[in-house]
N, C-alpha and C. Protein backbone atom coordinates (compact mmCIF):
# COMPACT_ATOMS: atom_id res chain seq x y z
N MET A 1 35.97 3.01 108.05
CA MET A 1 35.40 3.02 106.72
C MET A 1 34.57 1.75 106.54
N ALA A 2 33.33 1.92 106.16
CA ALA A 2 32.47 0.77 105.89
C ALA A 2 32.76 0.24 104.49
N LYS A 3 32.73 -1.03 104.39
CA LYS A 3 32.99 -1.66 103.10
C LYS A 3 31.86 -2.64 102.83
N LEU A 4 31.25 -2.56 101.67
CA LEU A 4 30.16 -3.44 101.31
C LEU A 4 30.63 -4.39 100.22
N ILE A 5 30.45 -5.65 100.47
CA ILE A 5 30.81 -6.67 99.49
C ILE A 5 29.57 -7.50 99.22
N PHE A 6 29.23 -7.67 97.97
CA PHE A 6 28.10 -8.54 97.65
C PHE A 6 28.52 -9.50 96.56
N GLU A 7 27.87 -10.65 96.56
CA GLU A 7 28.22 -11.70 95.62
C GLU A 7 27.25 -11.72 94.45
N ILE A 8 27.80 -12.02 93.30
CA ILE A 8 27.01 -12.23 92.09
C ILE A 8 27.36 -13.62 91.62
N SER A 9 26.35 -14.43 91.44
CA SER A 9 26.61 -15.82 91.09
C SER A 9 27.38 -15.93 89.77
N GLU A 10 28.16 -16.98 89.69
CA GLU A 10 29.03 -17.20 88.53
C GLU A 10 28.23 -17.29 87.24
N ASP A 11 27.04 -17.89 87.29
CA ASP A 11 26.25 -18.02 86.06
C ASP A 11 25.80 -16.65 85.55
N ILE A 12 25.55 -15.70 86.45
CA ILE A 12 25.19 -14.35 86.02
C ILE A 12 26.41 -13.64 85.45
N VAL A 13 27.54 -13.76 86.12
CA VAL A 13 28.77 -13.14 85.61
C VAL A 13 29.10 -13.71 84.23
N ASP A 14 28.96 -15.03 84.08
CA ASP A 14 29.24 -15.66 82.79
C ASP A 14 28.26 -15.19 81.70
N ALA A 15 27.04 -14.85 82.11
CA ALA A 15 26.02 -14.42 81.14
C ALA A 15 26.24 -12.98 80.66
N LEU A 16 27.04 -12.22 81.41
CA LEU A 16 27.31 -10.85 80.99
C LEU A 16 28.11 -10.86 79.68
N ARG A 17 27.73 -10.03 78.80
CA ARG A 17 28.44 -9.95 77.51
C ARG A 17 29.56 -8.93 77.60
N LEU A 18 30.47 -9.23 78.52
CA LEU A 18 31.61 -8.36 78.77
C LEU A 18 32.87 -9.20 78.88
N PRO A 19 34.00 -8.65 78.46
CA PRO A 19 35.26 -9.36 78.67
C PRO A 19 35.48 -9.52 80.18
N PRO A 20 36.00 -10.66 80.63
CA PRO A 20 36.17 -10.91 82.07
C PRO A 20 36.90 -9.80 82.82
N GLY A 21 37.85 -9.18 82.21
CA GLY A 21 38.61 -8.11 82.87
C GLY A 21 37.85 -6.81 83.05
N GLU A 22 36.68 -6.69 82.45
CA GLU A 22 35.91 -5.45 82.53
C GLU A 22 34.66 -5.55 83.39
N VAL A 23 34.38 -6.73 83.92
CA VAL A 23 33.11 -6.95 84.64
C VAL A 23 32.98 -6.02 85.85
N GLU A 24 33.96 -6.01 86.74
CA GLU A 24 33.83 -5.19 87.95
C GLU A 24 33.70 -3.71 87.61
N GLU A 25 34.53 -3.23 86.69
CA GLU A 25 34.48 -1.82 86.30
C GLU A 25 33.12 -1.45 85.74
N GLU A 26 32.57 -2.29 84.87
CA GLU A 26 31.27 -2.00 84.27
C GLU A 26 30.14 -2.06 85.28
N LEU A 27 30.20 -3.02 86.21
CA LEU A 27 29.16 -3.10 87.23
C LEU A 27 29.21 -1.89 88.16
N ARG A 28 30.41 -1.43 88.51
CA ARG A 28 30.54 -0.21 89.32
C ARG A 28 29.95 0.98 88.58
N LYS A 29 30.25 1.07 87.29
CA LYS A 29 29.75 2.17 86.48
C LYS A 29 28.22 2.16 86.43
N GLU A 30 27.65 0.98 86.20
CA GLU A 30 26.19 0.86 86.13
C GLU A 30 25.55 1.23 87.47
N LEU A 31 26.16 0.79 88.57
CA LEU A 31 25.64 1.11 89.89
C LEU A 31 25.70 2.62 90.13
N ALA A 32 26.82 3.23 89.83
CA ALA A 32 26.98 4.67 90.04
C ALA A 32 25.97 5.46 89.22
N LEU A 33 25.80 5.09 87.96
CA LEU A 33 24.85 5.80 87.10
C LEU A 33 23.41 5.63 87.58
N ALA A 34 23.05 4.41 87.95
CA ALA A 34 21.68 4.16 88.41
C ALA A 34 21.38 4.92 89.70
N LEU A 35 22.32 4.90 90.64
CA LEU A 35 22.09 5.61 91.91
C LEU A 35 22.06 7.11 91.71
N TYR A 36 22.92 7.62 90.84
CA TYR A 36 22.90 9.05 90.53
C TYR A 36 21.56 9.43 89.87
N GLN A 37 21.13 8.64 88.91
CA GLN A 37 19.89 8.92 88.19
C GLN A 37 18.69 8.94 89.15
N ARG A 38 18.69 8.06 90.14
CA ARG A 38 17.61 8.01 91.12
C ARG A 38 17.70 9.12 92.16
N GLY A 39 18.83 9.82 92.17
CA GLY A 39 19.00 10.93 93.10
C GLY A 39 19.45 10.51 94.49
N VAL A 40 19.98 9.31 94.62
CA VAL A 40 20.43 8.85 95.93
C VAL A 40 21.95 8.90 96.09
N LEU A 41 22.66 9.31 95.04
CA LEU A 41 24.11 9.45 95.10
C LEU A 41 24.49 10.72 94.36
N SER A 42 25.31 11.56 94.98
CA SER A 42 25.74 12.80 94.33
C SER A 42 26.70 12.48 93.19
N SER A 43 26.89 13.45 92.34
CA SER A 43 27.81 13.24 91.22
C SER A 43 29.24 13.05 91.71
N GLY A 44 29.62 13.76 92.76
CA GLY A 44 30.98 13.61 93.31
C GLY A 44 31.23 12.21 93.84
N LYS A 45 30.25 11.67 94.55
CA LYS A 45 30.38 10.31 95.09
C LYS A 45 30.31 9.27 93.97
N ALA A 46 29.50 9.53 92.95
CA ALA A 46 29.44 8.62 91.80
C ALA A 46 30.79 8.57 91.10
N CYS A 47 31.43 9.73 90.96
CA CYS A 47 32.77 9.78 90.37
C CYS A 47 33.74 8.95 91.20
N ALA A 48 33.66 9.10 92.52
CA ALA A 48 34.56 8.36 93.41
C ALA A 48 34.32 6.85 93.30
N LEU A 49 33.07 6.45 93.17
CA LEU A 49 32.73 5.03 93.07
C LEU A 49 33.36 4.39 91.84
N ILE A 50 33.40 5.12 90.73
CA ILE A 50 33.94 4.53 89.51
C ILE A 50 35.37 4.98 89.21
N GLY A 51 35.90 5.87 90.04
CA GLY A 51 37.27 6.32 89.83
C GLY A 51 37.42 7.20 88.60
N ALA A 52 36.41 8.02 88.36
CA ALA A 52 36.42 8.89 87.18
C ALA A 52 36.57 10.35 87.60
N THR A 53 37.06 11.15 86.69
CA THR A 53 37.08 12.60 86.93
C THR A 53 35.66 13.13 86.71
N ARG A 54 35.46 14.34 87.14
CA ARG A 54 34.14 14.98 86.96
C ARG A 54 33.80 15.05 85.48
N TRP A 55 34.77 15.39 84.65
CA TRP A 55 34.52 15.53 83.22
C TRP A 55 34.20 14.19 82.58
N GLU A 56 34.88 13.13 83.00
CA GLU A 56 34.59 11.79 82.48
C GLU A 56 33.17 11.37 82.85
N PHE A 57 32.77 11.68 84.09
CA PHE A 57 31.42 11.33 84.52
C PHE A 57 30.38 12.13 83.75
N GLU A 58 30.63 13.41 83.55
CA GLU A 58 29.71 14.25 82.77
C GLU A 58 29.57 13.71 81.35
N GLU A 59 30.66 13.27 80.77
CA GLU A 59 30.63 12.70 79.43
C GLU A 59 29.79 11.42 79.40
N LEU A 60 29.97 10.60 80.42
CA LEU A 60 29.19 9.36 80.53
C LEU A 60 27.70 9.66 80.68
N LEU A 61 27.35 10.65 81.49
CA LEU A 61 25.95 11.05 81.62
C LEU A 61 25.39 11.48 80.27
N GLY A 62 26.17 12.24 79.53
CA GLY A 62 25.72 12.70 78.22
C GLY A 62 25.50 11.54 77.25
N LYS A 63 26.43 10.60 77.24
CA LYS A 63 26.30 9.44 76.35
C LYS A 63 25.06 8.63 76.68
N ARG A 64 24.73 8.54 77.97
CA ARG A 64 23.57 7.76 78.41
C ARG A 64 22.28 8.59 78.43
N ARG A 65 22.42 9.88 78.13
CA ARG A 65 21.28 10.81 78.16
C ARG A 65 20.60 10.83 79.52
N ILE A 66 21.41 10.84 80.55
CA ILE A 66 20.91 10.92 81.92
C ILE A 66 20.93 12.39 82.33
N PRO A 67 19.77 12.93 82.71
CA PRO A 67 19.73 14.35 83.11
C PRO A 67 20.58 14.61 84.34
N ARG A 68 21.22 15.76 84.33
CA ARG A 68 22.04 16.16 85.47
C ARG A 68 21.16 16.87 86.48
N HIS A 69 21.40 16.61 87.73
CA HIS A 69 20.70 17.32 88.80
C HIS A 69 21.76 17.72 89.81
N TYR A 70 21.65 18.92 90.24
CA TYR A 70 22.70 19.45 91.11
C TYR A 70 22.05 20.35 92.14
N THR A 71 22.11 19.93 93.37
CA THR A 71 21.50 20.69 94.46
C THR A 71 22.58 21.35 95.30
N LYS A 72 22.13 22.16 96.23
CA LYS A 72 23.07 22.80 97.16
C LYS A 72 23.80 21.73 97.96
N LYS A 73 23.09 20.67 98.36
CA LYS A 73 23.71 19.57 99.10
C LYS A 73 24.80 18.90 98.25
N ASP A 74 24.52 18.72 96.94
CA ASP A 74 25.52 18.14 96.04
C ASP A 74 26.77 19.01 96.00
N LEU A 75 26.57 20.32 95.92
CA LEU A 75 27.70 21.24 95.89
C LEU A 75 28.53 21.11 97.16
N GLU A 76 27.87 21.07 98.30
CA GLU A 76 28.58 20.94 99.57
C GLU A 76 29.38 19.63 99.63
N GLU A 77 28.78 18.52 99.19
CA GLU A 77 29.48 17.24 99.17
C GLU A 77 30.66 17.27 98.22
N ASP A 78 30.47 17.87 97.05
CA ASP A 78 31.56 17.94 96.08
C ASP A 78 32.71 18.79 96.61
N LEU A 79 32.38 19.87 97.29
CA LEU A 79 33.44 20.71 97.86
C LEU A 79 34.20 19.98 98.95
N ARG A 80 33.48 19.24 99.81
CA ARG A 80 34.14 18.44 100.84
C ARG A 80 35.05 17.39 100.19
N TYR A 81 34.54 16.74 99.16
CA TYR A 81 35.34 15.71 98.48
C TYR A 81 36.58 16.33 97.85
N ALA A 82 36.41 17.48 97.20
CA ALA A 82 37.54 18.14 96.54
C ALA A 82 38.61 18.53 97.55
N LYS A 83 38.19 18.98 98.70
CA LYS A 83 39.15 19.38 99.74
C LYS A 83 39.88 18.19 100.33
N SER A 84 39.28 17.01 100.27
CA SER A 84 39.90 15.83 100.85
C SER A 84 40.94 15.20 99.93
N CYS A 85 40.98 15.59 98.68
CA CYS A 85 41.91 15.00 97.71
C CYS A 85 43.29 15.60 97.82
């Protein structure tokens, strides 16, 4: 399993208007939403990245007014992910 770790300087983390305990969760959420919106991450993988259920992710997309896109490849990935759980 590949693991990617990147650093964010302390001054940027301090500048975030978020409670310290929510920084990682919010950054993961923003990354998942941005990658999904750009079409480079499926909804199933975005859910896995943030640890959300499909319904929670759909709700988040609705709140952010991010259009849903769902291809045959997305369906195949989601089915593989569902079978692995």
